[in-house]
Amino acid sequence: MNVDTDTHSAHILVFDSGLGGTTILTALKKQLPQCSFSYAMDNAVFPYGGQTDAFLLQRCGPLFAKLIAHEQPDIIVIACNTASTLFLAYLRQQYPDVAFIGVVPAIKPAALLSTTGVIALLATPATIQRQYIDLLSDQHAKDCQLIRFSHPDLAILAEQKMRGQAPAQLQYDRIFSAFKRHPKAAAIDTFILGCTHYPAIADELALAWGKKVQWVDSADAIAKRATSLLQAMTSPKKAKEAHLLLTTDAQQEEIERSLRRFQFKSCQMLEI
C-alpha cells in the first residue's frame, strides 16, 4: 500500500557506483510515487568491488559531503553492498538529520523460502568475504546451508546490459559452469542475488543455471524500509526536482540514455 500522498512526500537519493542501484530505485518509485528521486553514480571508480576498503573510505567523506549539500535529501539509500558495509556507520554519525538505508543480501527471506535447506548467495568477491555475511547467516539461516558463489565479471556484464549492450549468454554459461560443479549444487532451491546489479540479468542467470530455483533480491525490502522511515517523519516534506549526478562525464550520454525512463530533470557532474 502506498503512503498517504497528501502528507508524506520526500526527496530520496539513491547511490551506487554504477547502474545497479536502479533496481532499487525502480522498487522505491513503485512503492512511493509521491516522492522525488535523484540518482548518484560514482562511475569514476566503478565497480566498487574492485577498489580497496582504504580507498573507498577515504573517498566517502568528500563524496557524500557534496551529494548531501547538492541534493539535501530526506533519505539516502546506499544501493551497494560494499558501500553499505563500509560507509553507513560513518554517514549516520556525520549526518544525524538524514535517514540512511543500507543494502544487505536477502539471506533471511531466502532461508524462509527454502524447502531443501540449501541456499546460494551470488555476490561480488568483496561481498562474499565480508564478516557480516557470517552474522546474517547465523542470525537468519541457522537451519540452512549457505553456499557462496562469486565472480568479478557478473556486475560488469550487468552494467553493460543496463547501458544497452548485450553480453552473450555464453559468458554467463561459462561462469556458472564452475558453480554447477559444487557438490551441493543439485540441492540448491533458492538463490540470493547479493548485488544490486544482478536483478538486471536475472533471466540470463536463470538460463545459465538451468534448473528451476527461486531468485531473491533486496529491492522490495528496501522499499518497505523507506516507507516505514517516511511514515515516521513528523514534518511534511516537499518533493524536489530529480537529478542524475555523476562523478565523471565518461559515457554520460550512454548513461543518460539508459536512465531516460526515470525522467531526471538534469544530469550534473560532481568533482571529487
C-alpha atoms as a PDB file:
ATOM      1  CA  MET A   1       0.000   0.000   0.000  1.00  0.00           C
ATOM      2  CA  ASN A   2       1.366   3.450  -0.850  1.00  0.00           C
ATOM      3  CA  VAL A   3       1.889   6.148   1.765  1.00  0.00           C
ATOM      4  CA  ASP A   4      -0.668   8.982   2.005  1.00  0.00           C
ATOM      5  CA  THR A   5       0.402  11.306  -0.813  1.00  0.00           C
ATOM      6  CA  ASP A   6      -1.105  14.400   0.821  1.00  0.00           C
ATOM      7  CA  THR A   7       1.113  14.407   3.905  1.00  0.00           C
ATOM      8  CA  HIS A   8       4.178  12.293   3.218  1.00  0.00           C
ATOM      9  CA  SER A   9       6.448  13.143   0.341  1.00  0.00           C
ATOM     10  CA  ALA A  10      10.204  13.411   0.430  1.00  0.00           C
ATOM     11  CA  HIS A  11      13.316  13.622  -1.675  1.00  0.00           C
ATOM     12  CA  ILE A  12      15.204  10.327  -1.774  1.00  0.00           C
ATOM     13  CA  LEU A  13      18.740   9.975  -3.091  1.00  0.00           C
ATOM     14  CA  VAL A  14      19.786   6.536  -4.334  1.00  0.00           C
ATOM     15  CA  PHE A  15      23.535   5.905  -4.562  1.00  0.00           C
ATOM     16  CA  ASP A  16      25.659   3.246  -6.253  1.00  0.00           C
ATOM     17  CA  SER A  17      28.957   3.099  -8.099  1.00  0.00           C
ATOM     18  CA  GLY A  18      27.119   2.051 -11.266  1.00  0.00           C
ATOM     19  CA  LEU A  19      23.625   1.435 -12.582  1.00  0.00           C
ATOM     20  CA  GLY A  20      22.847  -1.481 -10.277  1.00  0.00           C
ATOM     21  CA  GLY A  21      21.108   0.785  -7.793  1.00  0.00           C
ATOM     22  CA  THR A  22      18.406   1.490 -10.358  1.00  0.00           C
ATOM     23  CA  THR A  23      16.920  -1.918  -9.485  1.00  0.00           C
ATOM     24  CA  ILE A  24      16.324  -0.457  -6.010  1.00  0.00           C
ATOM     25  CA  LEU A  25      15.187   2.871  -7.474  1.00  0.00           C
ATOM     26  CA  THR A  26      12.525   1.093  -9.525  1.00  0.00           C
ATOM     27  CA  ALA A  27      11.071  -0.579  -6.416  1.00  0.00           C
ATOM     28  CA  LEU A  28      11.153   2.705  -4.496  1.00  0.00           C
ATOM     29  CA  LYS A  29       9.333   4.629  -7.213  1.00  0.00           C
ATOM     30  CA  LYS A  30       6.653   1.947  -7.364  1.00  0.00           C
ATOM     31  CA  GLN A  31       6.144   1.974  -3.590  1.00  0.00           C
ATOM     32  CA  LEU A  32       6.454   5.760  -3.098  1.00  0.00           C
ATOM     33  CA  PRO A  33       5.214   7.501  -6.264  1.00  0.00           C
ATOM     34  CA  GLN A  34       4.625  10.766  -4.400  1.00  0.00           C
ATOM     35  CA  CYS A  35       8.338  11.178  -3.653  1.00  0.00           C
ATOM     36  CA  SER A  36      11.044  12.621  -5.876  1.00  0.00           C
ATOM     37  CA  PHE A  37      14.211  10.646  -6.539  1.00  0.00           C
ATOM     38  CA  SER A  38      17.735  11.562  -7.545  1.00  0.00           C
ATOM     39  CA  TYR A  39      20.336   9.008  -8.520  1.00  0.00           C
ATOM     40  CA  ALA A  40      24.063   9.375  -7.866  1.00  0.00           C
ATOM     41  CA  MET A  41      26.707   7.233  -9.556  1.00  0.00           C
ATOM     42  CA  ASP A  42      30.345   7.168  -8.532  1.00  0.00           C
ATOM     43  CA  ASN A  43      31.043   5.976 -12.041  1.00  0.00           C
ATOM     44  CA  ALA A  44      34.586   7.335 -11.996  1.00  0.00           C
ATOM     45  CA  VAL A  45      35.657   4.313  -9.927  1.00  0.00           C
ATOM     46  CA  PHE A  46      33.096   1.655 -10.909  1.00  0.00           C
ATOM     47  CA  PRO A  47      32.981  -1.113  -9.764  1.00  0.00           C
ATOM     48  CA  TYR A  48      33.413  -0.637  -6.017  1.00  0.00           C
ATOM     49  CA  GLY A  49      34.138  -4.349  -5.670  1.00  0.00           C
ATOM     50  CA  GLY A  50      37.441  -3.757  -7.421  1.00  0.00           C
ATOM     51  CA  GLN A  51      38.577  -0.992  -5.030  1.00  0.00           C
ATOM     52  CA  THR A  52      40.322  -1.317  -1.673  1.00  0.00           C
ATOM     53  CA  ASP A  53      38.464  -0.545   1.553  1.00  0.00           C
ATOM     54  CA  ALA A  54      41.019   2.149   2.400  1.00  0.00           C
ATOM     55  CA  PHE A  55      40.465   3.935  -0.912  1.00  0.00           C
ATOM     56  CA  LEU A  56      36.673   3.830  -0.607  1.00  0.00           C
ATOM     57  CA  LEU A  57      36.673   5.035   2.998  1.00  0.00           C
ATOM     58  CA  GLN A  58      38.891   7.969   2.021  1.00  0.00           C
ATOM     59  CA  ARG A  59      36.600   8.785  -0.893  1.00  0.00           C
ATOM     60  CA  CYS A  60      33.416   8.545   1.161  1.00  0.00           C
ATOM     61  CA  GLY A  61      33.817  11.815   3.099  1.00  0.00           C
ATOM     62  CA  PRO A  62      34.176  14.354   0.276  1.00  0.00           C
ATOM     63  CA  LEU A  63      31.788  12.423  -1.981  1.00  0.00           C
ATOM     64  CA  PHE A  64      28.847  12.427   0.410  1.00  0.00           C
ATOM     65  CA  ALA A  65      29.558  15.951   1.612  1.00  0.00           C
ATOM     66  CA  LYS A  66      28.975  17.120  -1.971  1.00  0.00           C
ATOM     67  CA  LEU A  67      25.986  14.858  -2.567  1.00  0.00           C
ATOM     68  CA  ILE A  68      24.194  15.948   0.585  1.00  0.00           C
ATOM     69  CA  ALA A  69      24.934  19.647   0.084  1.00  0.00           C
ATOM     70  CA  HIS A  70      23.716  19.451  -3.512  1.00  0.00           C
ATOM     71  CA  GLU A  71      20.546  17.405  -3.000  1.00  0.00           C
ATOM     72  CA  GLN A  72      19.604  17.962   0.669  1.00  0.00           C
ATOM     73  CA  PRO A  73      17.811  14.611   0.696  1.00  0.00           C
ATOM     74  CA  ASP A  74      15.490  13.355   3.396  1.00  0.00           C
ATOM     75  CA  ILE A  75      16.552   9.741   2.833  1.00  0.00           C
ATOM     76  CA  ILE A  76      19.679   8.282   1.251  1.00  0.00           C
ATOM     77  CA  VAL A  77      19.664   4.688   0.056  1.00  0.00           C
ATOM     78  CA  ILE A  78      23.134   3.197  -0.276  1.00  0.00           C
ATOM     79  CA  ALA A  79      22.211   0.721  -3.012  1.00  0.00           C
ATOM     80  CA  CYS A  80      25.522  -1.130  -2.912  1.00  0.00           C
ATOM     81  CA  ASN A  81      26.545  -3.921  -0.546  1.00  0.00           C
ATOM     82  CA  THR A  82      30.192  -2.865  -0.404  1.00  0.00           C
ATOM     83  CA  ALA A  83      29.384   0.777   0.302  1.00  0.00           C
ATOM     84  CA  SER A  84      26.706  -0.136   2.844  1.00  0.00           C
ATOM     85  CA  THR A  85      29.198  -2.199   4.811  1.00  0.00           C
ATOM     86  CA  LEU A  86      31.910   0.456   4.776  1.00  0.00           C
ATOM     87  CA  PHE A  87      30.026   3.768   4.914  1.00  0.00           C
ATOM     88  CA  LEU A  88      26.819   3.504   6.894  1.00  0.00           C
ATOM     89  CA  ALA A  89      28.142   3.896  10.431  1.00  0.00           C
ATOM     90  CA  TYR A  90      30.275   6.893   9.418  1.00  0.00           C
ATOM     91  CA  LEU A  91      27.483   8.579   7.455  1.00  0.00           C
ATOM     92  CA  ARG A  92      24.900   8.170  10.204  1.00  0.00           C
ATOM     93  CA  GLN A  93      27.292   9.740  12.687  1.00  0.00           C
ATOM     94  CA  GLN A  94      28.239  12.623  10.377  1.00  0.00           C
ATOM     95  CA  TYR A  95      24.695  13.407   9.183  1.00  0.00           C
ATOM     96  CA  PRO A  96      22.238  12.650  12.002  1.00  0.00           C
ATOM     97  CA  ASP A  97      19.451  14.629  10.291  1.00  0.00           C
ATOM     98  CA  VAL A  98      19.479  12.380   7.219  1.00  0.00           C
ATOM     99  CA  ALA A  99      17.927   8.902   7.236  1.00  0.00           C
ATOM    100  CA  PHE A 100      20.207   6.283   5.683  1.00  0.00           C
ATOM    101  CA  ILE A 101      19.233   2.857   4.387  1.00  0.00           C
ATOM    102  CA  GLY A 102      21.820   0.237   3.520  1.00  0.00           C
ATOM    103  CA  VAL A 103      21.518  -2.922   1.443  1.00  0.00           C
ATOM    104  CA  VAL A 104      22.419  -6.406   2.604  1.00  0.00           C
ATOM    105  CA  PRO A 105      21.857  -9.731   0.815  1.00  0.00           C
ATOM    106  CA  ALA A 106      18.380 -11.198   1.326  1.00  0.00           C
ATOM    107  CA  ILE A 107      19.540 -14.199   3.376  1.00  0.00           C
ATOM    108  CA  LYS A 108      16.575 -14.105   5.774  1.00  0.00           C
ATOM    109  CA  PRO A 109      13.795 -14.313   3.151  1.00  0.00           C
ATOM    110  CA  ALA A 110      15.781 -16.932   1.212  1.00  0.00           C
ATOM    111  CA  ALA A 111      16.021 -19.123   4.305  1.00  0.00           C
ATOM    112  CA  LEU A 112      12.276 -18.789   4.867  1.00  0.00           C
ATOM    113  CA  LEU A 113      11.517 -19.736   1.255  1.00  0.00           C
ATOM    114  CA  SER A 114      13.826 -22.733   1.014  1.00  0.00           C
ATOM    115  CA  THR A 115      12.413 -26.228   1.355  1.00  0.00           C
ATOM    116  CA  THR A 116      15.672 -28.136   0.838  1.00  0.00           C
ATOM    117  CA  GLY A 117      17.593 -26.046   3.358  1.00  0.00           C
ATOM    118  CA  VAL A 118      20.348 -25.357   0.819  1.00  0.00           C
ATOM    119  CA  ILE A 119      20.537 -21.749  -0.365  1.00  0.00           C
ATOM    120  CA  ALA A 120      23.128 -19.984  -2.508  1.00  0.00           C
ATOM    121  CA  LEU A 121      24.436 -16.451  -2.226  1.00  0.00           C
ATOM    122  CA  LEU A 122      25.548 -14.999  -5.554  1.00  0.00           C
ATOM    123  CA  ALA A 123      27.592 -11.884  -4.828  1.00  0.00           C
ATOM    124  CA  THR A 124      30.750  -9.998  -5.696  1.00  0.00           C
ATOM    125  CA  PRO A 125      34.092 -11.288  -4.405  1.00  0.00           C
ATOM    126  CA  ALA A 126      34.222  -8.363  -1.962  1.00  0.00           C
ATOM    127  CA  THR A 127      30.785  -9.124  -0.503  1.00  0.00           C
ATOM    128  CA  ILE A 128      31.419 -12.852  -0.194  1.00  0.00           C
ATOM    129  CA  GLN A 129      34.386 -12.193   2.104  1.00  0.00           C
ATOM    130  CA  ARG A 130      32.582  -9.831   4.495  1.00  0.00           C
ATOM    131  CA  GLN A 131      32.141 -10.945   8.088  1.00  0.00           C
ATOM    132  CA  TYR A 132      28.573  -9.629   8.128  1.00  0.00           C
ATOM    133  CA  ILE A 133      27.600 -12.451   5.761  1.00  0.00           C
ATOM    134  CA  ASP A 134      28.509 -14.893   8.529  1.00  0.00           C
ATOM    135  CA  LEU A 135      26.467 -12.840  11.005  1.00  0.00           C
ATOM    136  CA  LEU A 136      23.411 -12.745   8.719  1.00  0.00           C
ATOM    137  CA  SER A 137      23.688 -16.472   8.167  1.00  0.00           C
ATOM    138  CA  ASP A 138      23.977 -17.173  11.907  1.00  0.00           C
ATOM    139  CA  GLN A 139      21.026 -14.902  12.693  1.00  0.00           C
ATOM    140  CA  HIS A 140      18.612 -15.840   9.925  1.00  0.00           C
ATOM    141  CA  ALA A 141      19.688 -19.111   8.296  1.00  0.00           C
ATOM    142  CA  LYS A 142      20.856 -21.380  11.094  1.00  0.00           C
ATOM    143  CA  ASP A 143      18.854 -24.272   9.712  1.00  0.00           C
ATOM    144  CA  CYS A 144      20.171 -23.791   6.188  1.00  0.00           C
ATOM    145  CA  GLN A 145      23.432 -24.426   4.422  1.00  0.00           C
ATOM    146  CA  LEU A 146      24.612 -21.230   2.739  1.00  0.00           C
ATOM    147  CA  ILE A 147      26.757 -21.764  -0.342  1.00  0.00           C
ATOM    148  CA  ARG A 148      28.659 -18.742  -1.641  1.00  0.00           C
ATOM    149  CA  PHE A 149      29.328 -18.115  -5.318  1.00  0.00           C
ATOM    150  CA  SER A 150      31.130 -15.102  -6.750  1.00  0.00           C
ATOM    151  CA  HIS A 151      32.690 -13.879  -9.970  1.00  0.00           C
ATOM    152  CA  PRO A 152      34.188 -10.439 -10.665  1.00  0.00           C
ATOM    153  CA  ASP A 153      32.654 -10.156 -14.147  1.00  0.00           C
ATOM    154  CA  LEU A 154      28.956 -10.504 -13.282  1.00  0.00           C
ATOM    155  CA  ALA A 155      28.479  -6.900 -12.133  1.00  0.00           C
ATOM    156  CA  ILE A 156      30.334  -5.694 -15.217  1.00  0.00           C
ATOM    157  CA  LEU A 157      28.144  -7.810 -17.502  1.00  0.00           C
ATOM    158  CA  ALA A 158      25.043  -6.428 -15.784  1.00  0.00           C
ATOM    159  CA  GLU A 159      26.317  -2.866 -16.166  1.00  0.00           C
ATOM    160  CA  GLN A 160      26.890  -3.466 -19.874  1.00  0.00           C
ATOM    161  CA  LYS A 161      23.363  -4.802 -20.306  1.00  0.00           C
ATOM    162  CA  MET A 162      21.873  -1.857 -18.417  1.00  0.00           C
ATOM    163  CA  ARG A 163      23.718   0.521 -20.748  1.00  0.00           C
ATOM    164  CA  GLY A 164      22.076  -1.074 -23.763  1.00  0.00           C
ATOM    165  CA  GLN A 165      24.809  -3.537 -24.688  1.00  0.00           C
ATOM    166  CA  ALA A 166      24.124  -7.264 -24.990  1.00  0.00           C
ATOM    167  CA  PRO A 167      26.684  -9.623 -23.435  1.00  0.00           C
ATOM    168  CA  ALA A 168      26.436 -13.090 -24.958  1.00  0.00           C
ATOM    169  CA  GLN A 169      24.670 -15.786 -22.937  1.00  0.00           C
ATOM    170  CA  LEU A 170      27.817 -17.873 -23.358  1.00  0.00           C
ATOM    171  CA  GLN A 171      29.622 -15.576 -20.913  1.00  0.00           C
ATOM    172  CA  TYR A 172      27.105 -16.367 -18.173  1.00  0.00           C
ATOM    173  CA  ASP A 173      27.164 -20.067 -19.036  1.00  0.00           C
ATOM    174  CA  ARG A 174      30.935 -20.192 -18.638  1.00  0.00           C
ATOM    175  CA  ILE A 175      30.774 -18.515 -15.233  1.00  0.00           C
ATOM    176  CA  PHE A 176      28.045 -20.833 -13.979  1.00  0.00           C
ATOM    177  CA  SER A 177      29.748 -23.969 -15.240  1.00  0.00           C
ATOM    178  CA  ALA A 178      32.069 -23.792 -12.239  1.00  0.00           C
ATOM    179  CA  PHE A 179      29.174 -23.179  -9.818  1.00  0.00           C
ATOM    180  CA  LYS A 180      27.370 -26.273 -11.098  1.00  0.00           C
ATOM    181  CA  ARG A 181      30.275 -28.466 -10.014  1.00  0.00           C
ATOM    182  CA  HIS A 182      29.672 -27.703  -6.334  1.00  0.00           C
ATOM    183  CA  PRO A 183      28.791 -30.963  -4.532  1.00  0.00           C
ATOM    184  CA  LYS A 184      25.564 -29.444  -3.168  1.00  0.00           C
ATOM    185  CA  ALA A 185      24.502 -27.765  -6.421  1.00  0.00           C
ATOM    186  CA  ALA A 186      21.633 -30.193  -7.054  1.00  0.00           C
ATOM    187  CA  ALA A 187      20.078 -29.411  -3.650  1.00  0.00           C
ATOM    188  CA  ILE A 188      20.027 -25.622  -4.061  1.00  0.00           C
ATOM    189  CA  ASP A 189      16.447 -24.367  -4.375  1.00  0.00           C
ATOM    190  CA  THR A 190      16.932 -20.645  -3.662  1.00  0.00           C
ATOM    191  CA  PHE A 191      19.468 -18.129  -5.000  1.00  0.00           C
ATOM    192  CA  ILE A 192      20.127 -14.794  -3.295  1.00  0.00           C
ATOM    193  CA  LEU A 193      21.024 -12.010  -5.722  1.00  0.00           C
ATOM    194  CA  GLY A 194      23.588 -10.364  -3.445  1.00  0.00           C
ATOM    195  CA  CYS A 195      24.453  -7.417  -5.677  1.00  0.00           C
ATOM    196  CA  THR A 196      22.019  -4.734  -6.800  1.00  0.00           C
ATOM    197  CA  HIS A 197      23.202  -5.232 -10.385  1.00  0.00           C
ATOM    198  CA  TYR A 198      22.138  -8.853 -10.554  1.00  0.00           C
ATOM    199  CA  PRO A 199      18.335  -8.461 -10.861  1.00  0.00           C
ATOM    200  CA  ALA A 200      19.010  -6.809 -14.231  1.00  0.00           C
ATOM    201  CA  ILE A 201      20.486 -10.078 -15.513  1.00  0.00           C
ATOM    202  CA  ALA A 202      18.154 -12.455 -13.671  1.00  0.00           C
ATOM    203  CA  ASP A 203      16.931 -14.018 -16.916  1.00  0.00           C
ATOM    204  CA  GLU A 204      20.480 -14.728 -18.071  1.00  0.00           C
ATOM    205  CA  LEU A 205      21.430 -16.142 -14.666  1.00  0.00           C
ATOM    206  CA  ALA A 206      18.394 -18.419 -14.590  1.00  0.00           C
ATOM    207  CA  LEU A 207      19.173 -19.685 -18.078  1.00  0.00           C
ATOM    208  CA  ALA A 208      22.797 -20.312 -17.134  1.00  0.00           C
ATOM    209  CA  TRP A 209      21.824 -22.265 -14.010  1.00  0.00           C
ATOM    210  CA  GLY A 210      19.325 -24.293 -15.994  1.00  0.00           C
ATOM    211  CA  LYS A 211      17.334 -25.642 -13.055  1.00  0.00           C
ATOM    212  CA  LYS A 212      14.155 -24.286 -11.527  1.00  0.00           C
ATOM    213  CA  VAL A 213      15.024 -22.314  -8.385  1.00  0.00           C
ATOM    214  CA  GLN A 214      13.769 -19.221  -6.585  1.00  0.00           C
ATOM    215  CA  TRP A 215      15.661 -15.965  -7.100  1.00  0.00           C
ATOM    216  CA  VAL A 216      15.520 -13.450  -4.230  1.00  0.00           C
ATOM    217  CA  ASP A 217      16.771  -9.857  -4.029  1.00  0.00           C
ATOM    218  CA  SER A 218      16.550  -6.942  -1.572  1.00  0.00           C
ATOM    219  CA  ALA A 219      14.633  -4.348  -3.599  1.00  0.00           C
ATOM    220  CA  ASP A 220      11.184  -4.802  -2.062  1.00  0.00           C
ATOM    221  CA  ALA A 221      12.605  -4.917   1.471  1.00  0.00           C
ATOM    222  CA  ILE A 222      14.419  -1.616   0.872  1.00  0.00           C
ATOM    223  CA  ALA A 223      11.223  -0.033  -0.458  1.00  0.00           C
ATOM    224  CA  LYS A 224       9.334  -1.179   2.640  1.00  0.00           C
ATOM    225  CA  ARG A 225      12.052   0.239   4.890  1.00  0.00           C
ATOM    226  CA  ALA A 226      11.909   3.593   3.106  1.00  0.00           C
ATOM    227  CA  THR A 227       8.130   3.618   3.502  1.00  0.00           C
ATOM    228  CA  SER A 228       8.485   2.979   7.234  1.00  0.00           C
ATOM    229  CA  LEU A 229      11.008   5.802   7.645  1.00  0.00           C
ATOM    230  CA  LEU A 230       8.816   8.178   5.671  1.00  0.00           C
ATOM    231  CA  GLN A 231       5.763   7.405   7.787  1.00  0.00           C
ATOM    232  CA  ALA A 232       7.798   8.160  10.920  1.00  0.00           C
ATOM    233  CA  MET A 233       8.810  11.638   9.722  1.00  0.00           C
ATOM    234  CA  THR A 234       6.846  14.199  11.708  1.00  0.00           C
ATOM    235  CA  SER A 235       7.062  17.275   9.483  1.00  0.00           C
ATOM    236  CA  PRO A 236       5.576  17.314   5.968  1.00  0.00           C
ATOM    237  CA  LYS A 237       8.142  17.099   3.197  1.00  0.00           C
ATOM    238  CA  LYS A 238       8.165  18.593  -0.256  1.00  0.00           C
ATOM    239  CA  ALA A 239       9.264  16.645  -3.310  1.00  0.00           C
ATOM    240  CA  LYS A 240      12.056  18.309  -5.296  1.00  0.00           C
ATOM    241  CA  GLU A 241      13.373  18.157  -8.821  1.00  0.00           C
ATOM    242  CA  ALA A 242      15.039  14.851  -9.571  1.00  0.00           C
ATOM    243  CA  HIS A 243      18.663  14.894 -10.702  1.00  0.00           C
ATOM    244  CA  LEU A 244      21.188  12.429 -12.043  1.00  0.00           C
ATOM    245  CA  LEU A 245      24.644  13.026 -10.573  1.00  0.00           C
ATOM    246  CA  LEU A 246      27.853  11.517 -11.962  1.00  0.00           C
ATOM    247  CA  THR A 247      31.469  11.721 -10.830  1.00  0.00           C
ATOM    248  CA  THR A 248      32.804  11.729 -14.390  1.00  0.00           C
ATOM    249  CA  ASP A 249      31.394  12.679 -17.770  1.00  0.00           C
ATOM    250  CA  ALA A 250      32.715   9.471 -19.320  1.00  0.00           C
ATOM    251  CA  GLN A 251      29.828   7.699 -21.095  1.00  0.00           C
ATOM    252  CA  GLN A 252      27.467  10.463 -19.921  1.00  0.00           C
ATOM    253  CA  GLU A 253      25.239  10.244 -22.994  1.00  0.00           C
ATOM    254  CA  GLU A 254      25.105   6.458 -22.730  1.00  0.00           C
ATOM    255  CA  ILE A 255      24.168   6.636 -19.049  1.00  0.00           C
ATOM    256  CA  GLU A 256      21.521   9.315 -19.606  1.00  0.00           C
ATOM    257  CA  ARG A 257      20.014   7.287 -22.421  1.00  0.00           C
ATOM    258  CA  SER A 258      19.804   4.161 -20.265  1.00  0.00           C
ATOM    259  CA  LEU A 259      18.098   6.121 -17.461  1.00  0.00           C
ATOM    260  CA  ARG A 260      15.650   8.093 -19.604  1.00  0.00           C
ATOM    261  CA  ARG A 261      12.686   6.210 -18.129  1.00  0.00           C
ATOM    262  CA  PHE A 262      13.320   7.830 -14.725  1.00  0.00           C
ATOM    263  CA  GLN A 263      12.772  11.323 -16.173  1.00  0.00           C
ATOM    264  CA  PHE A 264      15.577  13.136 -14.373  1.00  0.00           C
ATOM    265  CA  LYS A 265      15.422  16.900 -14.860  1.00  0.00           C
ATOM    266  CA  SER A 266      19.168  17.276 -15.317  1.00  0.00           C
ATOM    267  CA  CYS A 267      22.473  15.435 -15.315  1.00  0.00           C
ATOM    268  CA  GLN A 268      25.285  17.066 -13.366  1.00  0.00           C
ATOM    269  CA  MET A 269      28.936  16.313 -12.723  1.00  0.00           C
ATOM    270  CA  LEU A 270      30.472  16.254  -9.275  1.00  0.00           C
ATOM    271  CA  GLU A 271      34.201  16.841  -8.900  1.00  0.00           C
ATOM    272  CA  ILE A 272      35.588  14.687  -6.104  1.00  0.00           C
END
